[in-house]
Amino acid sequence: QVIARFERIIEGRDRNETTDNVRFWKSTGVP
């Protein structure tokens, strides 16, 4: 669900980006 949200955010802004990277998201990285 986090990845899906990231993909939606990226797709909704006009920055000529790809969503490939966020599919590898694993955790917040903030202990």
Full PDB file with SEQRES, HELIX, SHEET, SSBOND, CRYST1, ORIGX, SCALE, CONECT and MASTER records, all heavy atoms in Angstrom:
SEQRES   1 A   31  GLN VAL ILE ALA ARG PHE GLU ARG ILE ILE GLU GLY ARG          
SEQRES   2 A   31  ASP ARG ASN GLU THR THR ASP ASN VAL ARG PHE TRP LYS          
SEQRES   3 A   31  SER THR GLY VAL PRO                                          
HELIX    1 AA1 VAL A    2  GLU A   11  1                                  10    
HELIX    2 AA2 ASN A   21  PHE A   24  5                                   4    
CRYST1    1.000    1.000    1.000  90.00  90.00  90.00 P 1           1          
ORIGX1      1.000000  0.000000  0.000000        0.00000                         
ORIGX2      0.000000  1.000000  0.000000        0.00000                         
ORIGX3      0.000000  0.000000  1.000000        0.00000                         
SCALE1      1.000000  0.000000  0.000000        0.00000                         
SCALE2      0.000000  1.000000  0.000000        0.00000                         
SCALE3      0.000000  0.000000  1.000000        0.00000                         
ATOM      1  N   GLN A   1       0.820  -1.211   0.000  1.00  0.00           N  
ATOM      2  CA  GLN A   1       0.000   0.000   0.000  1.00  0.00           C  
ATOM      3  C   GLN A   1       0.856   1.264   0.000  1.00  0.00           C  
ATOM      4  O   GLN A   1       0.504   2.270  -0.618  1.00  0.00           O  
ATOM      5  CB  GLN A   1      -0.924  -0.008   1.217  1.00  0.00           C  
ATOM      6  CG  GLN A   1      -2.000  -1.093   1.169  1.00  0.00           C  
ATOM      7  CD  GLN A   1      -2.912  -1.056   2.380  1.00  0.00           C  
ATOM      8  OE1 GLN A   1      -3.167   0.006   2.953  1.00  0.00           O  
ATOM      9  NE2 GLN A   1      -3.404  -2.223   2.794  1.00  0.00           N  
ATOM     10  N   VAL A   2       1.990   1.219   0.690  1.00  0.00           N  
ATOM     11  CA  VAL A   2       2.899   2.366   0.693  1.00  0.00           C  
ATOM     12  C   VAL A   2       3.436   2.592  -0.714  1.00  0.00           C  
ATOM     13  O   VAL A   2       3.443   3.722  -1.231  1.00  0.00           O  
ATOM     14  CB  VAL A   2       4.074   2.140   1.665  1.00  0.00           C  
ATOM     15  CG1 VAL A   2       5.077   3.292   1.561  1.00  0.00           C  
ATOM     16  CG2 VAL A   2       3.563   2.022   3.100  1.00  0.00           C  
ATOM     17  N   ILE A   3       3.859   1.521  -1.354  1.00  0.00           N  
ATOM     18  CA  ILE A   3       4.395   1.623  -2.712  1.00  0.00           C  
ATOM     19  C   ILE A   3       3.334   2.153  -3.666  1.00  0.00           C  
ATOM     20  O   ILE A   3       3.615   3.011  -4.513  1.00  0.00           O  
ATOM     21  CB  ILE A   3       4.925   0.262  -3.184  1.00  0.00           C  
ATOM     22  CG1 ILE A   3       6.163  -0.126  -2.366  1.00  0.00           C  
ATOM     23  CG2 ILE A   3       5.250   0.293  -4.678  1.00  0.00           C  
ATOM     24  CD1 ILE A   3       6.670  -1.524  -2.641  1.00  0.00           C  
ATOM     25  N   ALA A   4       2.110   1.658  -3.530  1.00  0.00           N  
ATOM     26  CA  ALA A   4       1.020   2.108  -4.400  1.00  0.00           C  
ATOM     27  C   ALA A   4       0.775   3.609  -4.215  1.00  0.00           C  
ATOM     28  O   ALA A   4       0.506   4.334  -5.177  1.00  0.00           O  
ATOM     29  CB  ALA A   4      -0.254   1.322  -4.092  1.00  0.00           C  
ATOM     30  N   ARG A   5       0.871   4.063  -2.990  1.00  0.00           N  
ATOM     31  CA  ARG A   5       0.681   5.488  -2.710  1.00  0.00           C  
ATOM     32  C   ARG A   5       1.802   6.307  -3.346  1.00  0.00           C  
ATOM     33  O   ARG A   5       1.565   7.353  -3.953  1.00  0.00           O  
ATOM     34  CB  ARG A   5       0.672   5.730  -1.201  1.00  0.00           C  
ATOM     35  CG  ARG A   5       0.222   7.132  -0.779  1.00  0.00           C  
ATOM     36  CD  ARG A   5      -1.261   7.113  -0.512  1.00  0.00           C  
ATOM     37  NE  ARG A   5      -1.797   8.419  -0.213  1.00  0.00           N  
ATOM     38  CZ  ARG A   5      -2.946   8.605   0.449  1.00  0.00           C  
ATOM     39  NH1 ARG A   5      -3.625   7.562   0.894  1.00  0.00           N  
ATOM     40  NH2 ARG A   5      -3.421   9.815   0.646  1.00  0.00           N  
ATOM     41  N   PHE A   6       3.027   5.841  -3.216  1.00  0.00           N  
ATOM     42  CA  PHE A   6       4.164   6.524  -3.832  1.00  0.00           C  
ATOM     43  C   PHE A   6       3.987   6.602  -5.350  1.00  0.00           C  
ATOM     44  O   PHE A   6       4.246   7.648  -5.962  1.00  0.00           O  
ATOM     45  CB  PHE A   6       5.463   5.779  -3.515  1.00  0.00           C  
ATOM     46  CG  PHE A   6       5.945   5.952  -2.105  1.00  0.00           C  
ATOM     47  CD1 PHE A   6       6.947   5.129  -1.596  1.00  0.00           C  
ATOM     48  CD2 PHE A   6       5.420   6.924  -1.268  1.00  0.00           C  
ATOM     49  CE1 PHE A   6       7.423   5.281  -0.303  1.00  0.00           C  
ATOM     50  CE2 PHE A   6       5.878   7.094   0.036  1.00  0.00           C  
ATOM     51  CZ  PHE A   6       6.882   6.263   0.516  1.00  0.00           C  
ATOM     52  N   GLU A   7       3.571   5.507  -5.935  1.00  0.00           N  
ATOM     53  CA  GLU A   7       3.385   5.471  -7.395  1.00  0.00           C  
ATOM     54  C   GLU A   7       2.325   6.476  -7.820  1.00  0.00           C  
ATOM     55  O   GLU A   7       2.490   7.193  -8.816  1.00  0.00           O  
ATOM     56  CB  GLU A   7       3.003   4.060  -7.838  1.00  0.00           C  
ATOM     57  CG  GLU A   7       4.127   3.051  -7.707  1.00  0.00           C  
ATOM     58  CD  GLU A   7       3.703   1.642  -8.049  1.00  0.00           C  
ATOM     59  OE1 GLU A   7       2.492   1.333  -7.899  1.00  0.00           O  
ATOM     60  OE2 GLU A   7       4.551   0.834  -8.444  1.00  0.00           O  
ATOM     61  N   ARG A   8       1.254   6.551  -7.057  1.00  0.00           N  
ATOM     62  CA  ARG A   8       0.179   7.485  -7.387  1.00  0.00           C  
ATOM     63  C   ARG A   8       0.658   8.931  -7.285  1.00  0.00           C  
ATOM     64  O   ARG A   8       0.324   9.774  -8.116  1.00  0.00           O  
ATOM     65  CB  ARG A   8      -1.011   7.277  -6.447  1.00  0.00           C  
ATOM     66  CG  ARG A   8      -2.290   7.973  -6.902  1.00  0.00           C  
ATOM     67  CD  ARG A   8      -3.362   7.914  -5.856  1.00  0.00           C  
ATOM     68  NE  ARG A   8      -3.098   8.862  -4.770  1.00  0.00           N  
ATOM     69  CZ  ARG A   8      -3.848   8.963  -3.677  1.00  0.00           C  
ATOM     70  NH1 ARG A   8      -4.885   8.154  -3.514  1.00  0.00           N  
ATOM     71  NH2 ARG A   8      -3.565   9.850  -2.742  1.00  0.00           N  
ATOM     72  N   ILE A   9       1.457   9.222  -6.261  1.00  0.00           N  
ATOM     73  CA  ILE A   9       1.974  10.578  -6.080  1.00  0.00           C  
ATOM     74  C   ILE A   9       2.872  10.961  -7.252  1.00  0.00           C  
ATOM     75  O   ILE A   9       2.756  12.060  -7.811  1.00  0.00           O  
ATOM     76  CB  ILE A   9       2.750  10.687  -4.754  1.00  0.00           C  
ATOM     77  CG1 ILE A   9       1.782  10.544  -3.561  1.00  0.00           C  
ATOM     78  CG2 ILE A   9       3.493  12.026  -4.667  1.00  0.00           C  
ATOM     79  CD1 ILE A   9       2.470  10.451  -2.213  1.00  0.00           C  
ATOM     80  N   ILE A  10       3.770  10.061  -7.623  1.00  0.00           N  
ATOM     81  CA  ILE A  10       4.692  10.341  -8.730  1.00  0.00           C  
ATOM     82  C   ILE A  10       3.943  10.511 -10.042  1.00  0.00           C  
ATOM     83  O   ILE A  10       4.230  11.425 -10.826  1.00  0.00           O  
ATOM     84  CB  ILE A  10       5.740   9.215  -8.846  1.00  0.00           C  
ATOM     85  CG1 ILE A  10       6.691   9.254  -7.642  1.00  0.00           C  
ATOM     86  CG2 ILE A  10       6.539   9.344 -10.150  1.00  0.00           C  
ATOM     87  CD1 ILE A  10       7.671   8.103  -7.594  1.00  0.00           C  
ATOM     88  N   GLU A  11       2.977   9.652 -10.280  1.00  0.00           N  
ATOM     89  CA  GLU A  11       2.219   9.721 -11.529  1.00  0.00           C  
ATOM     90  C   GLU A  11       1.343  10.964 -11.604  1.00  0.00           C  
ATOM     91  O   GLU A  11       1.000  11.431 -12.694  1.00  0.00           O  
ATOM     92  CB  GLU A  11       1.347   8.465 -11.672  1.00  0.00           C  
ATOM     93  CG  GLU A  11       2.169   7.192 -11.922  1.00  0.00           C  
ATOM     94  CD  GLU A  11       1.338   5.928 -11.776  1.00  0.00           C  
ATOM     95  OE1 GLU A  11       0.170   6.035 -11.275  1.00  0.00           O  
ATOM     96  OE2 GLU A  11       1.843   4.845 -12.119  1.00  0.00           O  
ATOM     97  N   GLY A  12       1.022  11.533 -10.442  1.00  0.00           N  
ATOM     98  CA  GLY A  12       0.153  12.696 -10.411  1.00  0.00           C  
ATOM     99  C   GLY A  12       0.858  14.029 -10.543  1.00  0.00           C  
ATOM    100  O   GLY A  12       0.211  15.074 -10.589  1.00  0.00           O  
ATOM    101  N   ARG A  13       2.174  14.019 -10.606  1.00  0.00           N  
ATOM    102  CA  ARG A  13       2.919  15.278 -10.755  1.00  0.00           C  
ATOM    103  C   ARG A  13       3.656  15.262 -12.092  1.00  0.00           C  
ATOM    104  O   ARG A  13       4.098  14.230 -12.566  1.00  0.00           O  
ATOM    105  CB  ARG A  13       3.886  15.467  -9.587  1.00  0.00           C  
ATOM    106  CG  ARG A  13       4.952  14.406  -9.462  1.00  0.00           C  
ATOM    107  CD  ARG A  13       5.616  14.443  -8.096  1.00  0.00           C  
ATOM    108  NE  ARG A  13       6.801  13.580  -8.031  1.00  0.00           N  
ATOM    109  CZ  ARG A  13       7.391  13.198  -6.905  1.00  0.00           C  
ATOM    110  NH1 ARG A  13       6.902  13.608  -5.737  1.00  0.00           N  
ATOM    111  NH2 ARG A  13       8.466  12.431  -6.917  1.00  0.00           N  
ATOM    112  N   ASP A  14       3.822  16.407 -12.663  1.00  0.00           N  
ATOM    113  CA  ASP A  14       4.393  16.524 -14.005  1.00  0.00           C  
ATOM    114  C   ASP A  14       5.902  16.769 -13.938  1.00  0.00           C  
ATOM    115  O   ASP A  14       6.370  17.884 -14.139  1.00  0.00           O  
ATOM    116  CB  ASP A  14       3.687  17.663 -14.752  1.00  0.00           C  
ATOM    117  CG  ASP A  14       4.112  17.732 -16.207  1.00  0.00           C  
ATOM    118  OD1 ASP A  14       4.630  16.717 -16.719  1.00  0.00           O  
ATOM    119  OD2 ASP A  14       3.929  18.788 -16.827  1.00  0.00           O  
ATOM    120  N   ARG A  15       6.652  15.695 -13.672  1.00  0.00           N  
ATOM    121  CA  ARG A  15       8.101  15.836 -13.563  1.00  0.00           C  
ATOM    122  C   ARG A  15       8.860  14.867 -14.475  1.00  0.00           C  
ATOM    123  O   ARG A  15      10.066  14.703 -14.350  1.00  0.00           O  
ATOM    124  CB  ARG A  15       8.559  15.627 -12.116  1.00  0.00           C  
ATOM    125  CG  ARG A  15       8.009  16.650 -11.126  1.00  0.00           C  
ATOM    126  CD  ARG A  15       8.658  16.418  -9.757  1.00  0.00           C  
ATOM    127  NE  ARG A  15       7.939  17.108  -8.693  1.00  0.00           N  
ATOM    128  CZ  ARG A  15       8.184  16.928  -7.392  1.00  0.00           C  
ATOM    129  NH1 ARG A  15       9.146  16.087  -7.030  1.00  0.00           N  
ATOM    130  NH2 ARG A  15       7.491  17.579  -6.484  1.00  0.00           N  
ATOM    131  N   ASN A  16       8.144  14.198 -15.362  1.00  0.00           N  
ATOM    132  CA  ASN A  16       8.780  13.264 -16.297  1.00  0.00           C  
ATOM    133  C   ASN A  16       9.597  12.215 -15.555  1.00  0.00           C  
ATOM    134  O   ASN A  16      10.781  12.003 -15.819  1.00  0.00           O  
ATOM    135  CB  ASN A  16       9.672  14.030 -17.290  1.00  0.00           C  
ATOM    136  CG  ASN A  16      10.122  13.153 -18.451  1.00  0.00           C  
ATOM    137  OD1 ASN A  16       9.424  12.219 -18.848  1.00  0.00           O  
ATOM    138  ND2 ASN A  16      11.299  13.438 -18.990  1.00  0.00           N  
ATOM    139  N   GLU A  17       8.943  11.529 -14.600  1.00  0.00           N  
ATOM    140  CA  GLU A  17       9.619  10.559 -13.752  1.00  0.00           C  
ATOM    141  C   GLU A  17       9.132   9.146 -14.002  1.00  0.00           C  
ATOM    142  O   GLU A  17       8.136   8.920 -14.687  1.00  0.00           O  
ATOM    143  CB  GLU A  17       9.386  10.907 -12.277  1.00  0.00           C  
ATOM    144  CG  GLU A  17       9.903  12.264 -11.860  1.00  0.00           C  
ATOM    145  CD  GLU A  17       9.445  12.622 -10.459  1.00  0.00           C  
ATOM    146  OE1 GLU A  17       8.249  12.941 -10.295  1.00  0.00           O  
ATOM    147  OE2 GLU A  17      10.281  12.588  -9.542  1.00  0.00           O  
ATOM    148  N   THR A  18       9.825   8.190 -13.408  1.00  0.00           N  
ATOM    149  CA  THR A  18       9.434   6.795 -13.452  1.00  0.00           C  
ATOM    150  C   THR A  18       9.113   6.321 -12.040  1.00  0.00           C  
ATOM    151  O   THR A  18       9.670   6.845 -11.065  1.00  0.00           O  
ATOM    152  CB  THR A  18      10.541   5.905 -14.041  1.00  0.00           C  
ATOM    153  OG1 THR A  18      10.150   4.523 -13.942  1.00  0.00           O  
ATOM    154  CG2 THR A  18      11.845   6.098 -13.292  1.00  0.00           C  
ATOM    155  N   THR A  19       8.240   5.343 -11.939  1.00  0.00           N  
ATOM    156  CA  THR A  19       7.895   4.787 -10.627  1.00  0.00           C  
ATOM    157  C   THR A  19       8.693   3.523 -10.318  1.00  0.00           C  
ATOM    158  O   THR A  19       8.460   2.874  -9.301  1.00  0.00           O  
ATOM    159  CB  THR A  19       6.395   4.459 -10.554  1.00  0.00           C  
ATOM    160  OG1 THR A  19       6.074   3.488 -11.567  1.00  0.00           O  
ATOM    161  CG2 THR A  19       5.556   5.706 -10.762  1.00  0.00           C  
ATOM    162  N   ASP A  20       9.645   3.185 -11.178  1.00  0.00           N  
ATOM    163  CA  ASP A  20      10.398   1.938 -11.002  1.00  0.00           C  
ATOM    164  C   ASP A  20      11.117   1.879  -9.655  1.00  0.00           C  
ATOM    165  O   ASP A  20      11.145   0.835  -9.005  1.00  0.00           O  
ATOM    166  CB  ASP A  20      11.422   1.776 -12.134  1.00  0.00           C  
ATOM    167  CG  ASP A  20      10.756   1.510 -13.477  1.00  0.00           C  
ATOM    168  OD1 ASP A  20       9.550   1.199 -13.481  1.00  0.00           O  
ATOM    169  OD2 ASP A  20      11.443   1.623 -14.508  1.00  0.00           O  
ATOM    170  N   ASN A  21      11.712   2.995  -9.234  1.00  0.00           N  
ATOM    171  CA  ASN A  21      12.512   2.985  -8.006  1.00  0.00           C  
ATOM    172  C   ASN A  21      11.704   2.689  -6.752  1.00  0.00           C  
ATOM    173  O   ASN A  21      12.149   1.960  -5.861  1.00  0.00           O  
ATOM    174  CB  ASN A  21      13.238   4.317  -7.835  1.00  0.00           C  
ATOM    175  CG  ASN A  21      14.381   4.481  -8.823  1.00  0.00           C  
ATOM    176  OD1 ASN A  21      14.604   3.626  -9.675  1.00  0.00           O  
ATOM    177  ND2 ASN A  21      15.096   5.584  -8.716  1.00  0.00           N  
ATOM    178  N   VAL A  22      10.516   3.282  -6.643  1.00  0.00           N  
ATOM    179  CA  VAL A  22       9.748   3.139  -5.401  1.00  0.00           C  
ATOM    180  C   VAL A  22       9.253   1.713  -5.187  1.00  0.00           C  
ATOM    181  O   VAL A  22       8.872   1.345  -4.080  1.00  0.00           O  
ATOM    182  CB  VAL A  22       8.558   4.129  -5.355  1.00  0.00           C  
ATOM    183  CG1 VAL A  22       9.069   5.558  -5.358  1.00  0.00           C  
ATOM    184  CG2 VAL A  22       7.581   3.890  -6.486  1.00  0.00           C  
ATOM    185  N   ARG A  23       9.265   0.909  -6.237  1.00  0.00           N  
ATOM    186  CA  ARG A  23       8.842  -0.479  -6.085  1.00  0.00           C  
ATOM    187  C   ARG A  23       9.811  -1.281  -5.226  1.00  0.00           C  
ATOM    188  O   ARG A  23       9.489  -2.373  -4.765  1.00  0.00           O  
ATOM    189  CB  ARG A  23       8.693  -1.130  -7.468  1.00  0.00           C  
ATOM    190  CG  ARG A  23       7.591  -0.494  -8.308  1.00  0.00           C  
ATOM    191  CD  ARG A  23       7.601  -0.983  -9.733  1.00  0.00           C  
ATOM    192  NE  ARG A  23       6.642  -0.231 -10.552  1.00  0.00           N  
ATOM    193  CZ  ARG A  23       6.561  -0.306 -11.874  1.00  0.00           C  
ATOM    194  NH1 ARG A  23       7.376  -1.112 -12.528  1.00  0.00           N  
ATOM    195  NH2 ARG A  23       5.670   0.404 -12.537  1.00  0.00           N  
ATOM    196  N   PHE A  24      10.995  -0.725  -5.018  1.00  0.00           N  
ATOM    197  CA  PHE A  24      11.999  -1.394  -4.194  1.00  0.00           C  
ATOM    198  C   PHE A  24      11.970  -0.901  -2.746  1.00  0.00           C  
ATOM    199  O   PHE A  24      12.797  -1.314  -1.935  1.00  0.00           O  
ATOM    200  CB  PHE A  24      13.395  -1.161  -4.783  1.00  0.00           C  
ATOM    201  CG  PHE A  24      13.633  -1.900  -6.072  1.00  0.00           C  
ATOM    202  CD1 PHE A  24      13.257  -1.349  -7.283  1.00  0.00           C  
ATOM    203  CD2 PHE A  24      14.223  -3.156  -6.068  1.00  0.00           C  
ATOM    204  CE1 PHE A  24      13.468  -2.022  -8.472  1.00  0.00           C  
ATOM    205  CE2 PHE A  24      14.438  -3.843  -7.252  1.00  0.00           C  
ATOM    206  CZ  PHE A  24      14.059  -3.278  -8.460  1.00  0.00           C  
ATOM    207  N   TRP A  25      11.032  -0.012  -2.419  1.00  0.00           N  
ATOM    208  CA  TRP A  25      10.951   0.526  -1.060  1.00  0.00           C  
ATOM    209  C   TRP A  25      10.731  -0.602  -0.067  1.00  0.00           C  
ATOM    210  O   TRP A  25       9.909  -1.488  -0.276  1.00  0.00           O  
ATOM    211  CB  TRP A  25       9.805   1.529  -0.978  1.00  0.00           C  
ATOM    212  CG  TRP A  25       9.696   2.236   0.344  1.00  0.00           C  
ATOM    213  CD1 TRP A  25      10.320   3.379   0.735  1.00  0.00           C  
ATOM    214  CD2 TRP A  25       8.890   1.844   1.470  1.00  0.00           C  
ATOM    215  NE1 TRP A  25       9.975   3.728   2.007  1.00  0.00           N  
ATOM    216  CE2 TRP A  25       9.095   2.802   2.493  1.00  0.00           C  
ATOM    217  CE3 TRP A  25       8.028   0.773   1.714  1.00  0.00           C  
ATOM    218  CZ2 TRP A  25       8.470   2.723   3.724  1.00  0.00           C  
ATOM    219  CZ3 TRP A  25       7.390   0.688   2.949  1.00  0.00           C  
ATOM    220  CH2 TRP A  25       7.613   1.658   3.941  1.00  0.00           C  
ATOM    221  N   LYS A  26      11.482  -0.568   1.054  1.00  0.00           N  
ATOM    222  CA  LYS A  26      11.394  -1.648   2.034  1.00  0.00           C  
ATOM    223  C   LYS A  26      10.934  -1.187   3.414  1.00  0.00           C  
ATOM    224  O   LYS A  26      10.254  -1.917   4.124  1.00  0.00           O  
ATOM    225  CB  LYS A  26      12.751  -2.351   2.152  1.00  0.00           C  
ATOM    226  CG  LYS A  26      13.199  -3.038   0.867  1.00  0.00           C  
ATOM    227  CD  LYS A  26      14.508  -3.784   1.055  1.00  0.00           C  
ATOM    228  CE  LYS A  26      15.691  -2.850   1.196  1.00  0.00           C  
ATOM    229  NZ  LYS A  26      15.984  -2.103  -0.034  1.00  0.00           N  
ATOM    230  N   SER A  27      11.380   0.015   3.832  1.00  0.00           N  
ATOM    231  CA  SER A  27      11.030   0.500   5.170  1.00  0.00           C  
ATOM    232  C   SER A  27      11.301   1.996   5.237  1.00  0.00           C  
ATOM    233  O   SER A  27      11.888   2.572   4.323  1.00  0.00           O  
ATOM    234  CB  SER A  27      11.858  -0.232   6.240  1.00  0.00           C  
ATOM    235  OG  SER A  27      13.225   0.129   6.136  1.00  0.00           O  
ATOM    236  N   THR A  28      10.906   2.612   6.334  1.00  0.00           N  
ATOM    237  CA  THR A  28      11.121   4.050   6.484  1.00  0.00           C  
ATOM    238  C   THR A  28      12.595   4.386   6.651  1.00  0.00           C  
ATOM    239  O   THR A  28      13.036   5.474   6.292  1.00  0.00           O  
ATOM    240  CB  THR A  28      10.378   4.597   7.712  1.00  0.00           C  
ATOM    241  OG1 THR A  28      10.946   4.036   8.906  1.00  0.00           O  
ATOM    242  CG2 THR A  28       8.888   4.281   7.637  1.00  0.00           C  
ATOM    243  N   GLY A  29      13.378   3.465   7.212  1.00  0.00           N  
ATOM    244  CA  GLY A  29      14.779   3.753   7.478  1.00  0.00           C  
ATOM    245  C   GLY A  29      14.964   4.741   8.613  1.00  0.00           C  
ATOM    246  O   GLY A  29      16.064   5.256   8.820  1.00  0.00           O  
ATOM    247  N   VAL A  30      13.910   5.010   9.360  1.00  0.00           N  
ATOM    248  CA  VAL A  30      13.985   5.947  10.492  1.00  0.00           C  
ATOM    249  C   VAL A  30      13.646   5.174  11.772  1.00  0.00           C  
ATOM    250  O   VAL A  30      12.474   4.938  12.063  1.00  0.00           O  
ATOM    251  CB  VAL A  30      12.993   7.121  10.320  1.00  0.00           C  
ATOM    252  CG1 VAL A  30      13.125   8.101  11.490  1.00  0.00           C  
ATOM    253  CG2 VAL A  30      13.231   7.835   9.001  1.00  0.00           C  
ATOM    254  N   PRO A  31      14.646   4.768  12.543  1.00  0.00           N  
ATOM    255  CA  PRO A  31      14.377   3.997  13.756  1.00  0.00           C  
ATOM    256  C   PRO A  31      13.526   4.744  14.785  1.00  0.00           C  
ATOM    257  O   PRO A  31      12.688   4.148  15.451  1.00  0.00           O  
ATOM    258  CB  PRO A  31      15.784   3.724  14.311  1.00  0.00           C  
ATOM    259  CG  PRO A  31      16.676   3.804  13.125  1.00  0.00           C  
ATOM    260  CD  PRO A  31      16.085   4.890  12.279  1.00  0.00           C  
TER     261      PRO A  31                                                      
MASTER        0    0    0    2    0    0    0    6  260    1    0    3          
END                                                                             
